Amino acid sequence: MKTKYIFIAIGLLISSLCFGQQKLFDHFADMKGVSSVYISPAMFDMIGSLNIDDIDLKKLSKIESINIVSTEQANIAAEMRKAFKNLVTSNHEELMRIRSDGKNITFNIKKKGNMIEEMVMLVDEQEKYVVIQILGLFTLKEIQEFAETGKQ
């Protein structure tokens, strides 16, 4: 009986953390000087059912949502830097880091078994800051294949 309550508490904690992340994106999305994009699970379901020649959109249905916020204003970039500092945790694995001429870019993933459940890209420049978060259950190969399809 005790373990049942422990699992319920853990589930509530995890769901509240996800909700907290969404509130963070929503907070900045409403600010003047911030550009934002949110693509909902319903949109991915709809896209996945479309048929377009040579593009397998069913792969997109594995993505639950995408959040993007960016700014080119130094004061907002500093605030975003502080706020999103804890978005990438010790549960994430760094895939790639690029440092060049004051630009810092990191790609991080959080895995669930062999699948990726979250991908976070942070672009940090002096006056510019961009956060891209992709949630779902997908492989790196699927993301790569979709990115290559988009280039054609």
C-alpha atoms as a PDB file:
ATOM      1  CA  MET A   1       0.000   0.000   0.000  1.00  0.00           C
ATOM      2  CA  LYS A   2       2.854   2.375   0.842  1.00  0.00           C
ATOM      3  CA  THR A   3       4.528   1.816  -2.519  1.00  0.00           C
ATOM      4  CA  LYS A   4       1.286   2.739  -4.276  1.00  0.00           C
ATOM      5  CA  TYR A   5       1.340   6.150  -2.585  1.00  0.00           C
ATOM      6  CA  ILE A   6       5.018   6.603  -3.355  1.00  0.00           C
ATOM      7  CA  PHE A   7       4.411   5.973  -7.084  1.00  0.00           C
ATOM      8  CA  ILE A   8       1.451   8.373  -7.071  1.00  0.00           C
ATOM      9  CA  ALA A   9       3.602  11.062  -5.403  1.00  0.00           C
ATOM     10  CA  ILE A  10       6.416  10.537  -7.929  1.00  0.00           C
ATOM     11  CA  GLY A  11       3.926  10.772 -10.818  1.00  0.00           C
ATOM     12  CA  LEU A  12       2.493  14.021  -9.487  1.00  0.00           C
ATOM     13  CA  LEU A  13       5.971  15.455  -8.991  1.00  0.00           C
ATOM     14  CA  ILE A  14       7.032  14.627 -12.547  1.00  0.00           C
ATOM     15  CA  SER A  15       3.839  16.074 -14.034  1.00  0.00           C
ATOM     16  CA  SER A  16       4.237  19.261 -11.996  1.00  0.00           C
ATOM     17  CA  LEU A  17       7.820  19.638 -13.262  1.00  0.00           C
ATOM     18  CA  CYS A  18       6.598  19.410 -16.868  1.00  0.00           C
ATOM     19  CA  PHE A  19       3.852  21.932 -16.112  1.00  0.00           C
ATOM     20  CA  GLY A  20       6.461  24.210 -14.521  1.00  0.00           C
ATOM     21  CA  GLN A  21       8.572  24.086 -17.672  1.00  0.00           C
ATOM     22  CA  GLN A  22       5.575  25.044 -19.799  1.00  0.00           C
ATOM     23  CA  LYS A  23       4.828  27.975 -17.470  1.00  0.00           C
ATOM     24  CA  LEU A  24       8.420  29.129 -17.964  1.00  0.00           C
ATOM     25  CA  PHE A  25       8.036  29.126 -21.752  1.00  0.00           C
ATOM     26  CA  ASP A  26       4.617  30.817 -21.466  1.00  0.00           C
ATOM     27  CA  HIS A  27       6.053  33.552 -19.222  1.00  0.00           C
ATOM     28  CA  PHE A  28       8.608  34.589 -21.834  1.00  0.00           C
ATOM     29  CA  ALA A  29       6.259  34.019 -24.791  1.00  0.00           C
ATOM     30  CA  ASP A  30       4.072  36.868 -23.539  1.00  0.00           C
ATOM     31  CA  MET A  31       6.930  39.370 -23.230  1.00  0.00           C
ATOM     32  CA  LYS A  32       7.521  42.242 -25.612  1.00  0.00           C
ATOM     33  CA  GLY A  33      10.820  41.662 -27.421  1.00  0.00           C
ATOM     34  CA  VAL A  34      10.487  37.865 -27.358  1.00  0.00           C
ATOM     35  CA  SER A  35       9.574  35.711 -30.343  1.00  0.00           C
ATOM     36  CA  SER A  36       7.908  32.416 -29.537  1.00  0.00           C
ATOM     37  CA  VAL A  37       6.530  29.345 -31.248  1.00  0.00           C
ATOM     38  CA  TYR A  38       4.500  26.578 -29.631  1.00  0.00           C
ATOM     39  CA  ILE A  39       3.367  23.564 -31.630  1.00  0.00           C
ATOM     40  CA  SER A  40       0.856  21.454 -29.728  1.00  0.00           C
ATOM     41  CA  PRO A  41       0.322  17.678 -29.704  1.00  0.00           C
ATOM     42  CA  ALA A  42      -2.943  18.169 -31.642  1.00  0.00           C
ATOM     43  CA  MET A  43      -1.054  19.872 -34.466  1.00  0.00           C
ATOM     44  CA  PHE A  44       1.395  16.962 -34.726  1.00  0.00           C
ATOM     45  CA  ASP A  45      -1.504  14.492 -34.808  1.00  0.00           C
ATOM     46  CA  MET A  46      -3.061  16.481 -37.639  1.00  0.00           C
ATOM     47  CA  ILE A  47       0.206  16.755 -39.598  1.00  0.00           C
ATOM     48  CA  GLY A  48       0.865  13.029 -39.187  1.00  0.00           C
ATOM     49  CA  SER A  49      -2.391  12.201 -40.946  1.00  0.00           C
ATOM     50  CA  LEU A  50      -1.577  14.274 -44.052  1.00  0.00           C
ATOM     51  CA  ASN A  51      -0.180  12.703 -47.222  1.00  0.00           C
ATOM     52  CA  ILE A  52       2.490  14.690 -49.020  1.00  0.00           C
ATOM     53  CA  ASP A  53       4.607  13.124 -51.768  1.00  0.00           C
ATOM     54  CA  ASP A  54       8.046  11.847 -50.660  1.00  0.00           C
ATOM     55  CA  ILE A  55       7.625  13.007 -47.049  1.00  0.00           C
ATOM     56  CA  ASP A  56       6.825  10.565 -44.254  1.00  0.00           C
ATOM     57  CA  LEU A  57       4.899  12.839 -41.897  1.00  0.00           C
ATOM     58  CA  LYS A  58       3.942   9.916 -39.637  1.00  0.00           C
ATOM     59  CA  LYS A  59       7.356  10.374 -38.008  1.00  0.00           C
ATOM     60  CA  LEU A  60       6.186  13.768 -36.818  1.00  0.00           C
ATOM     61  CA  SER A  61       3.397  12.176 -34.805  1.00  0.00           C
ATOM     62  CA  LYS A  62       6.078  10.876 -32.428  1.00  0.00           C
ATOM     63  CA  ILE A  63       6.751  14.472 -31.399  1.00  0.00           C
ATOM     64  CA  GLU A  64       4.406  15.700 -28.678  1.00  0.00           C
ATOM     65  CA  SER A  65       5.256  19.380 -28.727  1.00  0.00           C
ATOM     66  CA  ILE A  66       7.838  21.987 -29.630  1.00  0.00           C
ATOM     67  CA  ASN A  67       8.522  25.155 -27.654  1.00  0.00           C
ATOM     68  CA  ILE A  68      10.763  27.909 -28.984  1.00  0.00           C
ATOM     69  CA  VAL A  69      11.499  31.267 -27.378  1.00  0.00           C
ATOM     70  CA  SER A  70      14.108  33.765 -28.512  1.00  0.00           C
ATOM     71  CA  THR A  71      15.153  37.331 -27.969  1.00  0.00           C
ATOM     72  CA  GLU A  72      17.722  39.741 -29.323  1.00  0.00           C
ATOM     73  CA  GLN A  73      17.457  42.172 -26.412  1.00  0.00           C
ATOM     74  CA  ALA A  74      20.348  41.967 -23.936  1.00  0.00           C
ATOM     75  CA  ASN A  75      18.265  42.577 -20.788  1.00  0.00           C
ATOM     76  CA  ILE A  76      15.712  39.894 -21.699  1.00  0.00           C
ATOM     77  CA  ALA A  77      18.509  37.523 -22.783  1.00  0.00           C
ATOM     78  CA  ALA A  78      20.076  37.896 -19.325  1.00  0.00           C
ATOM     79  CA  GLU A  79      16.724  37.134 -17.667  1.00  0.00           C
ATOM     80  CA  MET A  80      16.152  34.117 -19.916  1.00  0.00           C
ATOM     81  CA  ARG A  81      19.677  32.850 -19.225  1.00  0.00           C
ATOM     82  CA  LYS A  82      18.897  32.788 -15.485  1.00  0.00           C
ATOM     83  CA  ALA A  83      15.397  31.347 -15.869  1.00  0.00           C
ATOM     84  CA  PHE A  84      16.310  28.523 -18.256  1.00  0.00           C
ATOM     85  CA  LYS A  85      19.494  27.642 -16.383  1.00  0.00           C
ATOM     86  CA  ASN A  86      17.786  24.639 -14.751  1.00  0.00           C
ATOM     87  CA  LEU A  87      15.982  23.385 -17.872  1.00  0.00           C
ATOM     88  CA  VAL A  88      18.918  21.088 -18.610  1.00  0.00           C
ATOM     89  CA  THR A  89      19.485  18.817 -15.616  1.00  0.00           C
ATOM     90  CA  SER A  90      21.818  15.984 -14.683  1.00  0.00           C
ATOM     91  CA  ASN A  91      19.263  13.663 -16.348  1.00  0.00           C
ATOM     92  CA  HIS A  92      20.214  15.153 -19.714  1.00  0.00           C
ATOM     93  CA  GLU A  93      23.081  13.979 -21.880  1.00  0.00           C
ATOM     94  CA  GLU A  94      25.039  16.542 -23.845  1.00  0.00           C
ATOM     95  CA  LEU A  95      25.195  15.621 -27.532  1.00  0.00           C
ATOM     96  CA  MET A  96      27.156  18.562 -28.846  1.00  0.00           C
ATOM     97  CA  ARG A  97      28.648  21.860 -27.745  1.00  0.00           C
ATOM     98  CA  ILE A  98      29.774  24.669 -30.053  1.00  0.00           C
ATOM     99  CA  ARG A  99      31.731  27.667 -28.788  1.00  0.00           C
ATOM    100  CA  SER A 100      32.773  30.292 -31.310  1.00  0.00           C
ATOM    101  CA  ASP A 101      33.197  34.073 -31.214  1.00  0.00           C
ATOM    102  CA  GLY A 102      31.023  34.600 -28.129  1.00  0.00           C
ATOM    103  CA  LYS A 103      28.359  32.159 -29.312  1.00  0.00           C
ATOM    104  CA  ASN A 104      27.607  29.108 -27.152  1.00  0.00           C
ATOM    105  CA  ILE A 105      25.322  26.406 -28.530  1.00  0.00           C
ATOM    106  CA  THR A 106      24.468  23.172 -26.725  1.00  0.00           C
ATOM    107  CA  PHE A 107      22.328  20.203 -27.733  1.00  0.00           C
ATOM    108  CA  ASN A 108      21.072  18.023 -24.878  1.00  0.00           C
ATOM    109  CA  ILE A 109      18.768  15.021 -24.730  1.00  0.00           C
ATOM    110  CA  LYS A 110      16.925  13.147 -22.036  1.00  0.00           C
ATOM    111  CA  LYS A 111      16.468   9.464 -22.764  1.00  0.00           C
ATOM    112  CA  LYS A 112      13.827   6.944 -21.808  1.00  0.00           C
ATOM    113  CA  GLY A 113      15.414   3.584 -22.562  1.00  0.00           C
ATOM    114  CA  ASN A 114      16.692   3.747 -26.143  1.00  0.00           C
ATOM    115  CA  MET A 115      14.304   6.548 -27.062  1.00  0.00           C
ATOM    116  CA  ILE A 116      14.660  10.300 -26.627  1.00  0.00           C
ATOM    117  CA  GLU A 117      11.871  11.962 -24.676  1.00  0.00           C
ATOM    118  CA  GLU A 118      13.266  15.497 -24.686  1.00  0.00           C
ATOM    119  CA  MET A 119      15.732  17.432 -26.804  1.00  0.00           C
ATOM    120  CA  VAL A 120      16.874  20.884 -25.719  1.00  0.00           C
ATOM    121  CA  MET A 121      18.961  23.287 -27.774  1.00  0.00           C
ATOM    122  CA  LEU A 122      20.280  26.472 -26.182  1.00  0.00           C
ATOM    123  CA  VAL A 123      21.844  29.267 -28.232  1.00  0.00           C
ATOM    124  CA  ASP A 124      23.537  31.862 -26.056  1.00  0.00           C
ATOM    125  CA  GLU A 125      25.154  34.991 -27.459  1.00  0.00           C
ATOM    126  CA  GLN A 126      25.828  38.332 -25.825  1.00  0.00           C
ATOM    127  CA  GLU A 127      22.491  39.938 -26.767  1.00  0.00           C
ATOM    128  CA  LYS A 128      20.662  36.918 -28.171  1.00  0.00           C
ATOM    129  CA  TYR A 129      19.224  33.872 -26.437  1.00  0.00           C
ATOM    130  CA  VAL A 130      17.234  31.015 -27.985  1.00  0.00           C
ATOM    131  CA  VAL A 131      15.696  27.953 -26.339  1.00  0.00           C
ATOM    132  CA  ILE A 132      14.234  25.087 -28.365  1.00  0.00           C
ATOM    133  CA  GLN A 133      12.596  22.182 -26.569  1.00  0.00           C
ATOM    134  CA  ILE A 134      11.196  19.131 -28.389  1.00  0.00           C
ATOM    135  CA  LEU A 135       9.150  16.643 -26.365  1.00  0.00           C
ATOM    136  CA  GLY A 136       8.004  13.220 -27.500  1.00  0.00           C
ATOM    137  CA  LEU A 137       9.361   9.711 -27.870  1.00  0.00           C
ATOM    138  CA  PHE A 138      11.653   9.389 -30.884  1.00  0.00           C
ATOM    139  CA  THR A 139      15.143   8.342 -31.989  1.00  0.00           C
ATOM    140  CA  LEU A 140      17.985  10.558 -33.154  1.00  0.00           C
ATOM    141  CA  LYS A 141      17.802   8.828 -36.517  1.00  0.00           C
ATOM    142  CA  GLU A 142      14.130   9.867 -36.909  1.00  0.00           C
ATOM    143  CA  ILE A 143      14.991  13.493 -36.150  1.00  0.00           C
ATOM    144  CA  GLN A 144      17.902  13.340 -38.603  1.00  0.00           C
ATOM    145  CA  GLU A 145      15.724  11.788 -41.343  1.00  0.00           C
ATOM    146  CA  PHE A 146      13.060  14.436 -40.864  1.00  0.00           C
ATOM    147  CA  ALA A 147      15.631  17.254 -40.950  1.00  0.00           C
ATOM    148  CA  GLU A 148      17.084  15.856 -44.205  1.00  0.00           C
ATOM    149  CA  THR A 149      13.593  15.577 -45.727  1.00  0.00           C
ATOM    150  CA  GLY A 150      13.008  19.255 -44.937  1.00  0.00           C
ATOM    151  CA  LYS A 151      16.136  20.252 -46.875  1.00  0.00           C
ATOM    152  CA  GLN A 152      14.877  18.752 -50.150  1.00  0.00           C
END
